Amino acid sequence: MLKIFPILLGLFFIYSCTGTYEKNMAELDEVYGCDSPHKNLSKSKYRACLAKQRAGGETMFDLADSFDGLLGKGEGNVVYKSSVNPYLWNASLEVTEKYPLKIADNQGGLIETDWIYENNNINQRCLIKIHIKSPELITTGVSSNFLCEKKEGETWIIENYDYIEEEKQITLKILEIAGNLASKSL
């Protein structure tokens, strides 16, 4: 009986320590996020972690945790190829970062803001739609649409006006930022 007691005591000690480590690491992650001192992330995992952090922890198919497996570096045989250029995607997110997002689908390349109101004109609202159409960094790889509505009584009616200049400015800004991102990564 005395021989079993030290073994049981050792097992209890090991069991009690395992939960503490995970809890401590979760607390460090909560405080430091992707820059936690205990993490040793590759460049691609760090970017995926930042994207997950910006998205509030939500990622489609939890790509941040299985990134290496999707690229064939893990044990799985899954091959992943994005149909969206990452520079255009990140530039589009940067252009729309000051607006509330309604849709941000990185697989389909769609970004849509929620309705944007101006303080001095509550009877008009607009939204921005961005579509990334190419896996390559090309000028025709992104398009943007600007849609506005005006309020008549209690009903919102789509304005019969094309915001061609605004759409062009958004698209050019996205292309400029994407070009800068691409040149920094070289």
N, C-alpha and C. Protein backbone atom coordinates (compact mmCIF):
# COMPACT_ATOMS: atom_id res chain seq x y z
N MET A 1 0.81 -1.19 0.00
CA MET A 1 0.00 0.00 0.00
C MET A 1 0.86 1.26 0.00
N LEU A 2 1.98 1.22 0.72
CA LEU A 2 2.86 2.38 0.78
C LEU A 2 3.54 2.64 -0.56
N LYS A 3 3.72 1.61 -1.36
CA LYS A 3 4.34 1.79 -2.67
C LYS A 3 3.38 2.49 -3.65
N ILE A 4 2.12 2.27 -3.49
CA ILE A 4 1.12 2.85 -4.38
C ILE A 4 0.92 4.33 -4.06
N PHE A 5 1.05 4.71 -2.80
CA PHE A 5 0.81 6.09 -2.39
C PHE A 5 1.71 7.09 -3.12
N PRO A 6 3.04 6.89 -3.23
CA PRO A 6 3.86 7.85 -3.99
C PRO A 6 3.49 7.91 -5.47
N ILE A 7 3.09 6.79 -6.02
CA ILE A 7 2.69 6.77 -7.43
C ILE A 7 1.41 7.59 -7.61
N LEU A 8 0.45 7.38 -6.73
CA LEU A 8 -0.79 8.13 -6.81
C LEU A 8 -0.55 9.62 -6.57
N LEU A 9 0.31 9.95 -5.65
CA LEU A 9 0.65 11.34 -5.38
C LEU A 9 1.31 11.98 -6.60
N GLY A 10 2.22 11.26 -7.25
CA GLY A 10 2.89 11.75 -8.46
C GLY A 10 1.90 11.96 -9.60
N LEU A 11 0.99 11.02 -9.79
CA LEU A 11 -0.02 11.15 -10.84
C LEU A 11 -0.94 12.34 -10.56
N PHE A 12 -1.32 12.53 -9.30
CA PHE A 12 -2.16 13.68 -8.94
C PHE A 12 -1.43 14.99 -9.23
N PHE A 13 -0.16 15.05 -8.92
CA PHE A 13 0.65 16.26 -9.16
C PHE A 13 0.72 16.56 -10.66
N ILE A 14 0.99 15.56 -11.46
CA ILE A 14 1.09 15.74 -12.92
C ILE A 14 -0.26 16.17 -13.48
N TYR A 15 -1.32 15.53 -13.02
CA TYR A 15 -2.66 15.88 -13.50
C TYR A 15 -3.02 17.32 -13.15
N SER A 16 -2.69 17.77 -11.97
CA SER A 16 -3.03 19.13 -11.55
C SER A 16 -2.22 20.18 -12.30
N CYS A 17 -1.04 19.86 -12.76
CA CYS A 17 -0.20 20.83 -13.47
C CYS A 17 -0.62 21.01 -14.93
N THR A 18 -1.23 20.02 -15.53
CA THR A 18 -1.55 20.10 -16.95
C THR A 18 -2.56 21.18 -17.26
N GLY A 19 -3.57 21.36 -16.45
CA GLY A 19 -4.58 22.38 -16.69
C GLY A 19 -4.05 23.78 -16.49
N THR A 20 -3.09 23.96 -15.60
CA THR A 20 -2.54 25.28 -15.31
C THR A 20 -1.78 25.83 -16.50
N TYR A 21 -1.03 25.01 -17.19
CA TYR A 21 -0.25 25.45 -18.34
C TYR A 21 -1.15 26.01 -19.43
N GLU A 22 -2.18 25.27 -19.78
CA GLU A 22 -3.10 25.72 -20.82
C GLU A 22 -3.79 27.02 -20.41
N LYS A 23 -4.18 27.11 -19.15
CA LYS A 23 -4.83 28.31 -18.65
C LYS A 23 -3.88 29.51 -18.73
N ASN A 24 -2.62 29.32 -18.34
CA ASN A 24 -1.64 30.41 -18.39
C ASN A 24 -1.37 30.85 -19.82
N MET A 25 -1.28 29.91 -20.75
CA MET A 25 -1.05 30.26 -22.14
C MET A 25 -2.25 31.01 -22.72
N ALA A 26 -3.45 30.62 -22.34
CA ALA A 26 -4.65 31.31 -22.81
C ALA A 26 -4.69 32.74 -22.26
N GLU A 27 -4.26 32.93 -21.01
CA GLU A 27 -4.22 34.28 -20.43
C GLU A 27 -3.18 35.14 -21.15
N LEU A 28 -2.01 34.58 -21.48
CA LEU A 28 -1.00 35.32 -22.23
C LEU A 28 -1.52 35.70 -23.61
N ASP A 29 -2.20 34.78 -24.27
CA ASP A 29 -2.78 35.07 -25.59
C ASP A 29 -3.80 36.19 -25.52
N GLU A 30 -4.59 36.20 -24.44
CA GLU A 30 -5.61 37.24 -24.29
C GLU A 30 -4.97 38.61 -24.08
N VAL A 31 -3.88 38.66 -23.34
CA VAL A 31 -3.23 39.94 -23.05
C VAL A 31 -2.42 40.43 -24.25
N TYR A 32 -1.60 39.53 -24.84
CA TYR A 32 -0.66 39.95 -25.88
C TYR A 32 -1.15 39.68 -27.30
N GLY A 33 -2.13 38.82 -27.47
CA GLY A 33 -2.61 38.48 -28.81
C GLY A 33 -1.53 37.74 -29.59
N CYS A 34 -1.34 38.12 -30.84
CA CYS A 34 -0.37 37.45 -31.72
C CYS A 34 1.07 37.74 -31.32
N ASP A 35 1.28 38.79 -30.53
CA ASP A 35 2.63 39.17 -30.11
C ASP A 35 2.99 38.57 -28.76
N SER A 36 2.31 37.53 -28.35
CA SER A 36 2.58 36.88 -27.07
C SER A 36 4.01 36.35 -27.04
N PRO A 37 4.72 36.56 -25.93
CA PRO A 37 6.13 36.17 -25.86
C PRO A 37 6.36 34.67 -25.95
N HIS A 38 5.36 33.86 -25.64
CA HIS A 38 5.56 32.41 -25.69
C HIS A 38 5.35 31.83 -27.08
N LYS A 39 4.86 32.64 -28.01
CA LYS A 39 4.60 32.13 -29.37
C LYS A 39 5.84 32.29 -30.24
N ASN A 40 6.08 31.32 -31.06
CA ASN A 40 7.15 31.38 -32.04
C ASN A 40 6.51 31.06 -33.39
N LEU A 41 5.94 32.10 -34.02
CA LEU A 41 5.17 31.90 -35.25
C LEU A 41 5.99 32.23 -36.49
N SER A 42 5.76 31.44 -37.53
CA SER A 42 6.36 31.78 -38.82
C SER A 42 5.67 33.02 -39.36
N LYS A 43 6.22 33.60 -40.40
CA LYS A 43 5.67 34.83 -40.97
C LYS A 43 4.23 34.63 -41.45
N SER A 44 3.97 33.51 -42.11
CA SER A 44 2.62 33.26 -42.62
C SER A 44 1.64 32.99 -41.48
N LYS A 45 2.07 32.26 -40.44
CA LYS A 45 1.19 32.01 -39.30
C LYS A 45 0.93 33.30 -38.52
N TYR A 46 1.94 34.17 -38.46
CA TYR A 46 1.76 35.45 -37.77
C TYR A 46 0.72 36.30 -38.50
N ARG A 47 0.80 36.35 -39.85
CA ARG A 47 -0.19 37.10 -40.63
C ARG A 47 -1.58 36.50 -40.45
N ALA A 48 -1.67 35.17 -40.43
CA ALA A 48 -2.96 34.52 -40.24
C ALA A 48 -3.50 34.82 -38.84
N CYS A 49 -2.62 34.85 -37.85
CA CYS A 49 -3.02 35.18 -36.49
C CYS A 49 -3.55 36.61 -36.41
N LEU A 50 -2.86 37.54 -37.06
CA LEU A 50 -3.31 38.94 -37.08
C LEU A 50 -4.66 39.07 -37.77
N ALA A 51 -4.85 38.34 -38.86
CA ALA A 51 -6.13 38.38 -39.57
C ALA A 51 -7.25 37.85 -38.69
N LYS A 52 -6.97 36.78 -37.98
CA LYS A 52 -7.96 36.21 -37.07
C LYS A 52 -8.26 37.18 -35.93
N GLN A 53 -7.23 37.84 -35.45
CA GLN A 53 -7.38 38.81 -34.37
C GLN A 53 -8.23 40.00 -34.84
N ARG A 54 -7.96 40.51 -36.06
CA ARG A 54 -8.74 41.62 -36.60
C ARG A 54 -10.20 41.23 -36.82
N ALA A 55 -10.43 39.97 -37.14
CA ALA A 55 -11.79 39.50 -37.39
C ALA A 55 -12.51 39.15 -36.10
N GLY A 56 -11.90 39.42 -34.97
CA GLY A 56 -12.54 39.14 -33.69
C GLY A 56 -12.52 37.67 -33.35
N GLY A 57 -11.56 36.93 -33.87
CA GLY A 57 -11.44 35.52 -33.55
C GLY A 57 -12.20 34.61 -34.48
N GLU A 58 -12.96 35.16 -35.39
CA GLU A 58 -13.75 34.34 -36.31
C GLU A 58 -13.03 34.21 -37.63
N THR A 59 -12.81 33.00 -38.08
CA THR A 59 -12.25 32.80 -39.40
C THR A 59 -13.04 31.68 -40.08
N MET A 60 -13.17 31.78 -41.38
CA MET A 60 -13.88 30.76 -42.12
C MET A 60 -13.07 29.47 -42.10
N PHE A 61 -13.67 28.37 -41.67
CA PHE A 61 -13.06 27.06 -41.59
C PHE A 61 -11.86 27.05 -40.65
N ASP A 62 -11.72 28.07 -39.80
CA ASP A 62 -10.62 28.17 -38.85
C ASP A 62 -9.28 28.00 -39.54
N LEU A 63 -9.06 28.77 -40.59
CA LEU A 63 -7.85 28.68 -41.40
C LEU A 63 -6.58 29.03 -40.64
N ALA A 64 -6.69 29.90 -39.65
CA ALA A 64 -5.49 30.33 -38.93
C ALA A 64 -4.85 29.15 -38.20
N ASP A 65 -5.66 28.22 -37.69
CA ASP A 65 -5.10 27.09 -36.94
C ASP A 65 -4.61 25.97 -37.84
N SER A 66 -5.14 25.86 -39.06
CA SER A 66 -4.76 24.74 -39.92
C SER A 66 -4.07 25.24 -41.19
N PHE A 67 -3.43 26.38 -41.11
CA PHE A 67 -2.82 27.00 -42.29
C PHE A 67 -1.76 26.12 -42.93
N ASP A 68 -0.86 25.55 -42.12
CA ASP A 68 0.19 24.71 -42.68
C ASP A 68 -0.38 23.46 -43.33
N GLY A 69 -1.40 22.88 -42.73
CA GLY A 69 -2.00 21.69 -43.30
C GLY A 69 -2.64 21.98 -44.65
N LEU A 70 -3.20 23.14 -44.80
CA LEU A 70 -3.83 23.50 -46.07
C LEU A 70 -2.81 23.73 -47.17
N LEU A 71 -1.61 24.09 -46.78
CA LEU A 71 -0.58 24.32 -47.79
C LEU A 71 0.25 23.06 -48.05
N GLY A 72 -0.13 21.96 -47.45
CA GLY A 72 0.58 20.72 -47.69
C GLY A 72 1.80 20.53 -46.81
N LYS A 73 2.03 21.40 -45.82
CA LYS A 73 3.20 21.26 -44.96
C LYS A 73 2.91 20.33 -43.79
N GLY A 74 1.64 20.11 -43.48
CA GLY A 74 1.28 19.25 -42.37
C GLY A 74 1.14 17.82 -42.82
N GLU A 75 0.39 17.07 -42.03
CA GLU A 75 0.21 15.65 -42.35
C GLU A 75 -0.89 15.43 -43.38
N GLY A 76 -1.79 16.40 -43.54
CA GLY A 76 -2.90 16.23 -44.46
C GLY A 76 -2.46 16.37 -45.91
N ASN A 77 -3.29 15.90 -46.82
CA ASN A 77 -3.00 16.00 -48.24
C ASN A 77 -3.92 17.00 -48.92
N VAL A 78 -4.37 17.99 -48.18
CA VAL A 78 -5.27 18.99 -48.72
C VAL A 78 -4.46 20.06 -49.42
N VAL A 79 -4.90 20.44 -50.61
CA VAL A 79 -4.24 21.51 -51.36
C VAL A 79 -5.18 22.71 -51.36
N TYR A 80 -4.64 23.86 -51.02
CA TYR A 80 -5.44 25.07 -50.93
C TYR A 80 -4.91 26.10 -51.90
N LYS A 81 -5.80 26.67 -52.69
CA LYS A 81 -5.43 27.75 -53.59
C LYS A 81 -6.50 28.81 -53.50
N SER A 82 -6.11 30.00 -53.14
CA SER A 82 -7.07 31.08 -53.01
C SER A 82 -7.34 31.72 -54.37
N SER A 83 -8.57 32.10 -54.58
CA SER A 83 -8.93 32.78 -55.82
C SER A 83 -8.89 34.29 -55.63
N VAL A 84 -8.38 34.74 -54.49
CA VAL A 84 -8.34 36.15 -54.16
C VAL A 84 -6.90 36.57 -53.92
N ASN A 85 -6.49 37.64 -54.55
CA ASN A 85 -5.14 38.15 -54.35
C ASN A 85 -5.02 38.71 -52.93
N PRO A 86 -4.04 38.25 -52.15
CA PRO A 86 -3.93 38.70 -50.75
C PRO A 86 -3.61 40.20 -50.63
N TYR A 87 -2.86 40.76 -51.57
CA TYR A 87 -2.55 42.18 -51.49
C TYR A 87 -3.80 43.03 -51.76
N LEU A 88 -4.59 42.63 -52.75
CA LEU A 88 -5.84 43.34 -53.02
C LEU A 88 -6.82 43.18 -51.85
N TRP A 89 -6.84 41.99 -51.26
CA TRP A 89 -7.74 41.74 -50.13
C TRP A 89 -7.34 42.62 -48.94
N ASN A 90 -6.07 42.61 -48.57
CA ASN A 90 -5.62 43.40 -47.42
C ASN A 90 -5.77 44.89 -47.68
N ALA A 91 -5.53 45.32 -48.91
CA ALA A 91 -5.71 46.74 -49.25
C ALA A 91 -7.18 47.13 -49.15
N SER A 92 -8.07 46.25 -49.58
CA SER A 92 -9.50 46.53 -49.49
C SER A 92 -9.95 46.64 -48.03
N LEU A 93 -9.41 45.76 -47.19
CA LEU A 93 -9.73 45.85 -45.77
C LEU A 93 -9.22 47.16 -45.16
N GLU A 94 -8.04 47.57 -45.61
CA GLU A 94 -7.47 48.82 -45.10
C GLU A 94 -8.31 50.02 -45.53
N VAL A 95 -8.79 50.01 -46.76
CA VAL A 95 -9.60 51.13 -47.26
C VAL A 95 -10.93 51.21 -46.50
N THR A 96 -11.49 50.08 -46.13
CA THR A 96 -12.81 50.06 -45.47
C THR A 96 -12.71 49.96 -43.95
N GLU A 97 -11.51 50.07 -43.38
CA GLU A 97 -11.35 49.83 -41.94
C GLU A 97 -12.10 50.83 -41.06
N LYS A 98 -12.39 52.03 -41.56
CA LYS A 98 -13.09 53.01 -40.72
C LYS A 98 -14.60 52.87 -40.79
N TYR A 99 -15.10 51.92 -41.56
CA TYR A 99 -16.54 51.70 -41.69
C TYR A 99 -16.91 50.35 -41.10
N PRO A 100 -18.13 50.22 -40.59
CA PRO A 100 -18.56 48.90 -40.11
C PRO A 100 -18.78 47.96 -41.29
N LEU A 101 -18.23 46.74 -41.18
CA LEU A 101 -18.36 45.78 -42.28
C LEU A 101 -19.57 44.88 -42.06
N LYS A 102 -20.29 44.64 -43.13
CA LYS A 102 -21.42 43.73 -43.11
C LYS A 102 -20.98 42.36 -43.61
N ILE A 103 -20.15 42.35 -44.67
CA ILE A 103 -19.65 41.11 -45.27
C ILE A 103 -18.15 41.26 -45.50
N ALA A 104 -17.39 40.24 -45.12
CA ALA A 104 -15.97 40.17 -45.44
C ALA A 104 -15.65 38.71 -45.74
N ASP A 105 -15.88 38.30 -46.98
CA ASP A 105 -15.70 36.91 -47.41
C ASP A 105 -14.40 36.79 -48.18
N ASN A 106 -13.34 36.32 -47.50
CA ASN A 106 -12.03 36.24 -48.16
C ASN A 106 -11.96 35.12 -49.18
N GLN A 107 -12.85 34.16 -49.15
CA GLN A 107 -12.84 33.09 -50.14
C GLN A 107 -13.49 33.54 -51.44
N GLY A 108 -14.55 34.32 -51.34
CA GLY A 108 -15.24 34.82 -52.53
C GLY A 108 -14.75 36.19 -52.96
N GLY A 109 -13.94 36.83 -52.10
CA GLY A 109 -13.40 38.14 -52.43
C GLY A 109 -14.42 39.26 -52.34
N LEU A 110 -15.37 39.14 -51.43
CA LEU A 110 -16.42 40.15 -51.30
C LEU A 110 -16.29 40.90 -49.98
N ILE A 111 -16.37 42.21 -50.06
CA ILE A 111 -16.41 43.07 -48.88
C ILE A 111 -17.57 44.02 -49.09
N GLU A 112 -18.40 44.14 -48.07
CA GLU A 112 -19.51 45.10 -48.13
C GLU A 112 -19.62 45.78 -46.78
N THR A 113 -19.67 47.10 -46.80
CA THR A 113 -19.84 47.83 -45.55
C THR A 113 -21.32 47.83 -45.17
N ASP A 114 -21.56 48.12 -43.93
CA ASP A 114 -22.92 48.37 -43.49
C ASP A 114 -23.28 49.78 -43.97
N TRP A 115 -24.48 50.20 -43.75
CA TRP A 115 -24.88 51.54 -44.20
C TRP A 115 -24.06 52.59 -43.49
N ILE A 116 -23.61 53.58 -44.25
CA ILE A 116 -22.80 54.68 -43.73
C ILE A 116 -23.65 55.94 -43.77
N TYR A 117 -23.77 56.58 -42.62
CA TYR A 117 -24.56 57.81 -42.51
C TYR A 117 -23.63 58.97 -42.23
N GLU A 118 -23.95 60.12 -42.79
CA GLU A 118 -23.23 61.35 -42.46
C GLU A 118 -23.99 62.06 -41.35
N ASN A 119 -23.27 62.68 -40.46
CA ASN A 119 -23.91 63.36 -39.33
C ASN A 119 -24.83 64.49 -39.77
N ASN A 120 -24.47 65.21 -40.82
CA ASN A 120 -25.26 66.36 -41.24
C ASN A 120 -26.39 65.99 -42.21
N ASN A 121 -26.51 64.72 -42.62
CA ASN A 121 -27.57 64.32 -43.54
C ASN A 121 -28.05 62.91 -43.19
N ILE A 122 -29.00 62.84 -42.27
CA ILE A 122 -29.50 61.54 -41.83
C ILE A 122 -30.52 60.94 -42.79
N ASN A 123 -30.88 61.68 -43.83
CA ASN A 123 -31.83 61.19 -44.82
C ASN A 123 -31.14 60.58 -46.03
N GLN A 124 -29.84 60.35 -45.94
CA GLN A 124 -29.10 59.68 -47.00
C GLN A 124 -28.16 58.66 -46.34
N ARG A 125 -28.06 57.51 -46.96
CA ARG A 125 -27.13 56.50 -46.49
C ARG A 125 -26.49 55.84 -47.70
N CYS A 126 -25.23 55.42 -47.50
CA CYS A 126 -24.48 54.80 -48.59
C CYS A 126 -23.77 53.55 -48.09
N LEU A 127 -23.42 52.70 -49.00
CA LEU A 127 -22.58 51.54 -48.67
C LEU A 127 -21.59 51.31 -49.80
N ILE A 128 -20.52 50.62 -49.47
CA ILE A 128 -19.45 50.33 -50.42
C ILE A 128 -19.40 48.82 -50.60
N LYS A 129 -19.35 48.39 -51.84
CA LYS A 129 -19.17 46.97 -52.16
C LYS A 129 -17.88 46.83 -52.95
N ILE A 130 -17.03 45.91 -52.53
CA ILE A 130 -15.77 45.66 -53.21
C ILE A 130 -15.72 44.18 -53.58
N HIS A 131 -15.33 43.91 -54.82
CA HIS A 131 -15.21 42.53 -55.29
C HIS A 131 -13.80 42.33 -55.85
N ILE A 132 -13.08 41.40 -55.27
CA ILE A 132 -11.74 41.05 -55.76
C ILE A 132 -11.94 39.84 -56.67
N LYS A 133 -11.57 40.02 -57.93
CA LYS A 133 -11.92 39.04 -58.96
C LYS A 133 -10.74 38.23 -59.48
N SER A 134 -9.55 38.45 -58.94
CA SER A 134 -8.39 37.81 -59.53
C SER A 134 -7.42 37.34 -58.45
N PRO A 135 -6.76 36.22 -58.68
CA PRO A 135 -5.69 35.80 -57.76
C PRO A 135 -4.39 36.55 -58.03
N GLU A 136 -4.35 37.31 -59.11
CA GLU A 136 -3.15 38.06 -59.47
C GLU A 136 -3.34 39.53 -59.12
N LEU A 137 -2.23 40.22 -58.92
CA LEU A 137 -2.27 41.65 -58.64
C LEU A 137 -2.29 42.39 -59.98
N ILE A 138 -3.51 42.61 -60.48
CA ILE A 138 -3.70 43.32 -61.75
C ILE A 138 -4.76 44.40 -61.54
N THR A 139 -4.74 45.41 -62.39
CA THR A 139 -5.64 46.54 -62.21
C THR A 139 -7.11 46.16 -62.39
N THR A 140 -7.39 45.14 -63.17
CA THR A 140 -8.77 44.71 -63.36
C THR A 140 -9.18 43.65 -62.34
N GLY A 141 -8.33 43.40 -61.37
CA GLY A 141 -8.59 42.37 -60.37
C GLY A 141 -9.50 42.81 -59.24
N VAL A 142 -9.90 44.07 -59.23
CA VAL A 142 -10.77 44.57 -58.17
C VAL A 142 -11.76 45.56 -58.75
N SER A 143 -12.98 45.51 -58.24
CA SER A 143 -13.98 46.50 -58.63
C SER A 143 -14.69 46.98 -57.38
N SER A 144 -15.17 48.20 -57.42
CA SER A 144 -15.90 48.73 -56.27
C SER A 144 -17.18 49.39 -56.75
N ASN A 145 -18.18 49.30 -55.91
CA ASN A 145 -19.48 49.92 -56.20
C ASN A 145 -19.88 50.76 -55.01
N PHE A 146 -20.49 51.86 -55.30
CA PHE A 146 -20.95 52.81 -54.30
C PHE A 146 -22.45 52.90 -54.46
N LEU A 147 -23.23 52.57 -53.45
CA LEU A 147 -24.68 52.56 -53.55
C LEU A 147 -25.24 53.48 -52.46
N CYS A 148 -26.09 54.40 -52.86
CA CYS A 148 -26.69 55.33 -51.91
C CYS A 148 -28.21 55.28 -52.02
N GLU A 149 -28.85 55.54 -50.90
CA GLU A 149 -30.29 55.63 -50.83
C GLU A 149 -30.67 56.92 -50.12
N LYS A 150 -31.85 57.45 -50.46
CA LYS A 150 -32.37 58.62 -49.76
C LYS A 150 -33.70 58.24 -49.14
N LYS A 151 -33.98 58.90 -48.04
CA LYS A 151 -35.20 58.58 -47.29
C LYS A 151 -36.31 59.54 -47.71
N GLU A 152 -37.43 58.96 -48.13
CA GLU A 152 -38.61 59.73 -48.47
C GLU A 152 -39.75 59.22 -47.59
N GLY A 153 -40.08 60.03 -46.61
CA GLY A 153 -41.06 59.59 -45.62
C GLY A 153 -40.41 58.55 -44.72
N GLU A 154 -40.95 57.36 -44.73
CA GLU A 154 -40.38 56.25 -43.95
C GLU A 154 -39.71 55.21 -44.84
N THR A 155 -39.60 55.49 -46.14
CA THR A 155 -39.09 54.52 -47.10
C THR A 155 -37.73 54.96 -47.64
N TRP A 156 -36.81 54.01 -47.73
CA TRP A 156 -35.49 54.26 -48.34
C TRP A 156 -35.58 53.90 -49.82
N ILE A 157 -35.19 54.85 -50.67
CA ILE A 157 -35.26 54.66 -52.12
C ILE A 157 -33.85 54.80 -52.70
N ILE A 158 -33.48 53.87 -53.59
CA ILE A 158 -32.16 53.91 -54.23
C ILE A 158 -32.06 55.16 -55.09
N GLU A 159 -30.97 55.89 -54.92
CA GLU A 159 -30.75 57.10 -55.72
C GLU A 159 -30.44 56.71 -57.16
N ASN A 160 -30.99 57.45 -58.06
CA ASN A 160 -30.76 57.20 -59.48
C ASN A 160 -29.56 58.03 -59.94
N TYR A 161 -28.41 57.70 -59.36
CA TYR A 161 -27.19 58.45 -59.66
C TYR A 161 -26.02 57.47 -59.64
N ASP A 162 -25.15 57.56 -60.62
CA ASP A 162 -23.96 56.71 -60.67
C ASP A 162 -22.80 57.45 -60.01
N TYR A 163 -22.20 56.80 -59.05
CA TYR A 163 -21.06 57.37 -58.32
C TYR A 163 -19.76 56.88 -58.94
N ILE A 164 -19.60 57.16 -60.21
CA ILE A 164 -18.46 56.65 -60.97
C ILE A 164 -17.14 57.19 -60.42
N GLU A 165 -17.10 58.46 -60.11
CA GLU A 165 -15.85 59.08 -59.62
C GLU A 165 -15.47 58.51 -58.24
N GLU A 166 -16.45 58.33 -57.36
CA GLU A 166 -16.18 57.76 -56.03
C GLU A 166 -15.69 56.32 -56.15
N GLU A 167 -16.33 55.54 -57.01
CA GLU A 167 -15.93 54.15 -57.23
C GLU A 167 -14.50 54.08 -57.78
N LYS A 168 -14.19 54.98 -58.70
CA LYS A 168 -12.85 55.02 -59.28
C LYS A 168 -11.81 55.37 -58.22
N GLN A 169 -12.12 56.32 -57.34
CA GLN A 169 -11.18 56.72 -56.29
C GLN A 169 -10.93 55.58 -55.30
N ILE A 170 -11.98 54.84 -54.96
CA ILE A 170 -11.83 53.70 -54.05
C ILE A 170 -10.95 52.63 -54.70
N THR A 171 -11.24 52.31 -55.95
CA THR A 171 -10.47 51.29 -56.66
C THR A 171 -9.00 51.70 -56.79
N LEU A 172 -8.75 52.95 -57.13
CA LEU A 172 -7.36 53.42 -57.25
C LEU A 172 -6.62 53.37 -55.91
N LYS A 173 -7.33 53.69 -54.83
CA LYS A 173 -6.71 53.64 -53.50
C LYS A 173 -6.36 52.20 -53.13
N ILE A 174 -7.24 51.27 -53.44
CA ILE A 174 -6.98 49.85 -53.19
C ILE A 174 -5.76 49.39 -53.98
N LEU A 175 -5.70 49.75 -55.25
CA LEU A 175 -4.57 49.35 -56.10
C LEU A 175 -3.26 49.97 -55.60
N GLU A 176 -3.30 51.21 -55.14
CA GLU A 176 -2.10 51.87 -54.61
C GLU A 176 -1.59 51.15 -53.35
N ILE A 177 -2.49 50.87 -52.43
CA ILE A 177 -2.09 50.19 -51.19
C ILE A 177 -1.60 48.78 -51.49
N ALA A 178 -2.30 48.07 -52.40
CA ALA A 178 -1.90 46.71 -52.75
C ALA A 178 -0.51 46.70 -53.38
N GLY A 179 -0.22 47.68 -54.24
CA GLY A 179 1.12 47.78 -54.84
C GLY A 179 2.19 48.02 -53.78
N ASN A 180 1.89 48.87 -52.80
CA ASN A 180 2.84 49.12 -51.70
C ASN A 180 3.06 47.86 -50.87
N LEU A 181 1.99 47.13 -50.58
CA LEU A 181 2.12 45.88 -49.81
C LEU A 181 2.96 44.86 -50.56
N ALA A 182 2.73 44.75 -51.85
CA ALA A 182 3.47 43.78 -52.67
C ALA A 182 4.95 44.14 -52.73
N SER A 183 5.26 45.43 -52.85
CA SER A 183 6.68 45.84 -52.94
C SER A 183 7.39 45.65 -51.60
N LYS A 184 6.66 45.77 -50.48
CA LYS A 184 7.27 45.57 -49.17
C LYS A 184 7.60 44.10 -48.91
N SER A 185 6.81 43.20 -49.51
CA SER A 185 7.02 41.77 -49.26
C SER A 185 8.15 41.17 -50.10
N LEU A 186 8.67 41.93 -51.06
CA LEU A 186 9.73 41.40 -51.91
C LEU A 186 11.06 41.43 -51.23
